Amino acid sequence: MATSRQETIQTVLSSGLEPVHLDVENESRMHSVAPGSETHFKVLVVSAAFQGMNAVQRHRRVNELLREEFTRGLHALSLRALTPDEWAQQPGANFRSPPCLGGSKAG
């Protein structure tokens, strides 16, 4: 049976970052894509691997791990990457993706 992109993202990030918390949500349904698409995801990842990194470095690390998925059709990633200490101070309850602007239909 084929693995979904969501499962692949979870597996890749779990092995690459050893997170203490990981949420991966397919938000493709909220965008101008075909039903059943796996192109837009929201990821909340909490890992000690982010210690000493700024936000840009964290995002680059996640994007680097998911490089192959981007070449296979992953289009957008709404990302929140925290250390365990940051997570303890500000859990991700208010983490929302920005609204879809309709891609090529906008404007």
Protein backbone atom coordinates (compact mmCIF):
# COMPACT_ATOMS: atom_id res chain seq x y z
CA MET A 1 0.00 0.00 0.00
CA ALA A 2 1.28 3.45 -0.90
CA THR A 3 2.32 5.77 1.90
CA SER A 4 0.59 9.12 2.06
CA ARG A 5 2.66 12.28 1.89
CA GLN A 6 1.47 13.10 5.42
CA GLU A 7 2.90 9.79 6.68
CA THR A 8 6.13 10.40 4.78
CA ILE A 9 6.52 13.87 6.32
CA GLN A 10 5.92 12.41 9.78
CA THR A 11 8.48 9.65 9.21
CA VAL A 12 11.15 11.95 7.74
CA LEU A 13 10.82 14.57 10.48
CA SER A 14 10.67 11.94 13.23
CA SER A 15 13.88 10.31 12.10
CA GLY A 16 15.68 13.56 11.26
CA LEU A 17 14.74 15.60 14.33
CA GLU A 18 13.64 13.10 17.01
CA PRO A 19 10.82 15.45 18.09
CA VAL A 20 9.15 15.38 21.48
CA HIS A 21 5.99 16.64 19.74
CA LEU A 22 4.99 16.50 16.07
CA ASP A 23 1.72 17.46 14.40
CA VAL A 24 1.38 17.19 10.62
CA GLU A 25 -1.91 18.34 9.11
CA ASN A 26 -2.89 18.18 5.45
CA GLU A 27 -4.47 21.56 4.68
CA SER A 28 -4.78 21.00 0.93
CA ARG A 29 -8.58 21.03 1.23
CA MET A 30 -8.35 24.75 2.11
CA HIS A 31 -6.62 25.62 -1.18
CA SER A 32 -7.39 25.69 -4.88
CA VAL A 33 -6.25 22.14 -5.59
CA ALA A 34 -7.95 18.94 -6.69
CA PRO A 35 -9.82 16.93 -4.05
CA GLY A 36 -7.55 14.43 -2.32
CA SER A 37 -4.40 16.48 -2.97
CA GLU A 38 -1.45 16.39 -0.61
CA THR A 39 0.22 19.68 -1.50
CA HIS A 40 -0.27 22.00 1.49
CA PHE A 41 0.67 21.04 5.05
CA LYS A 42 0.86 22.61 8.48
CA VAL A 43 3.64 21.26 10.70
CA LEU A 44 4.28 21.87 14.38
CA VAL A 45 7.53 20.25 15.44
CA VAL A 46 9.19 20.45 18.86
CA SER A 47 12.76 19.19 19.01
CA ALA A 48 15.93 19.68 21.02
CA ALA A 49 17.69 19.68 17.63
CA PHE A 50 16.55 23.31 17.25
CA GLN A 51 18.49 24.46 20.32
CA GLY A 52 20.76 27.38 19.40
CA MET A 53 19.10 27.91 16.00
CA ASN A 54 17.12 30.98 14.98
CA ALA A 55 13.78 30.66 13.16
CA VAL A 56 15.32 30.83 9.68
CA GLN A 57 17.84 28.08 10.51
CA ARG A 58 15.05 25.87 11.89
CA HIS A 59 12.92 26.34 8.78
CA ARG A 60 15.91 25.62 6.54
CA ARG A 61 16.59 22.41 8.48
CA VAL A 62 13.00 21.20 8.07
CA ASN A 63 12.92 22.19 4.38
CA GLU A 64 16.23 20.38 3.86
CA LEU A 65 14.80 17.20 5.39
CA LEU A 66 11.71 17.48 3.17
CA ARG A 67 13.59 18.43 -0.02
CA GLU A 68 12.56 15.24 -1.81
CA GLU A 69 8.88 15.82 -1.00
CA PHE A 70 9.10 19.33 -2.46
CA THR A 71 10.45 17.84 -5.70
CA ARG A 72 7.52 15.40 -5.72
CA GLY A 73 4.76 18.00 -5.45
CA LEU A 74 4.73 19.34 -1.89
CA HIS A 75 3.86 22.95 -2.59
CA ALA A 76 3.50 24.75 0.75
CA LEU A 77 4.49 24.22 4.35
CA SER A 78 3.18 26.32 7.20
CA LEU A 79 5.74 25.64 9.92
CA ARG A 80 6.24 26.24 13.60
CA ALA A 81 9.52 24.82 14.93
CA LEU A 82 10.21 25.06 18.67
CA THR A 83 12.61 23.77 21.29
CA PRO A 84 11.09 21.83 24.21
CA ASP A 85 11.62 24.85 26.49
CA GLU A 86 9.80 27.15 24.05
CA TRP A 87 7.00 24.60 23.73
CA ALA A 88 6.59 24.52 27.52
CA GLN A 89 6.20 28.32 27.54
CA GLN A 90 4.00 28.69 24.43
CA PRO A 91 2.19 25.55 23.33
CA GLY A 92 0.92 25.60 19.74
CA ALA A 93 -2.78 26.05 20.45
CA ASN A 94 -2.86 29.32 18.49
CA PHE A 95 -0.87 28.08 15.51
CA ARG A 96 -2.90 28.86 12.40
CA SER A 97 -1.87 28.88 8.78
CA PRO A 98 -2.30 32.08 6.78
CA PRO A 99 -5.37 32.20 4.53
CA CYS A 100 -5.07 30.93 1.00
CA LEU A 101 -4.83 33.74 -1.56
CA GLY A 102 -5.90 31.45 -4.39
CA GLY A 103 -2.53 30.90 -6.06
CA SER A 104 -2.70 31.84 -9.72
CA LYS A 105 -6.35 32.83 -9.30
CA ALA A 106 -5.46 35.73 -6.97
CA GLY A 107 -5.21 39.21 -8.25
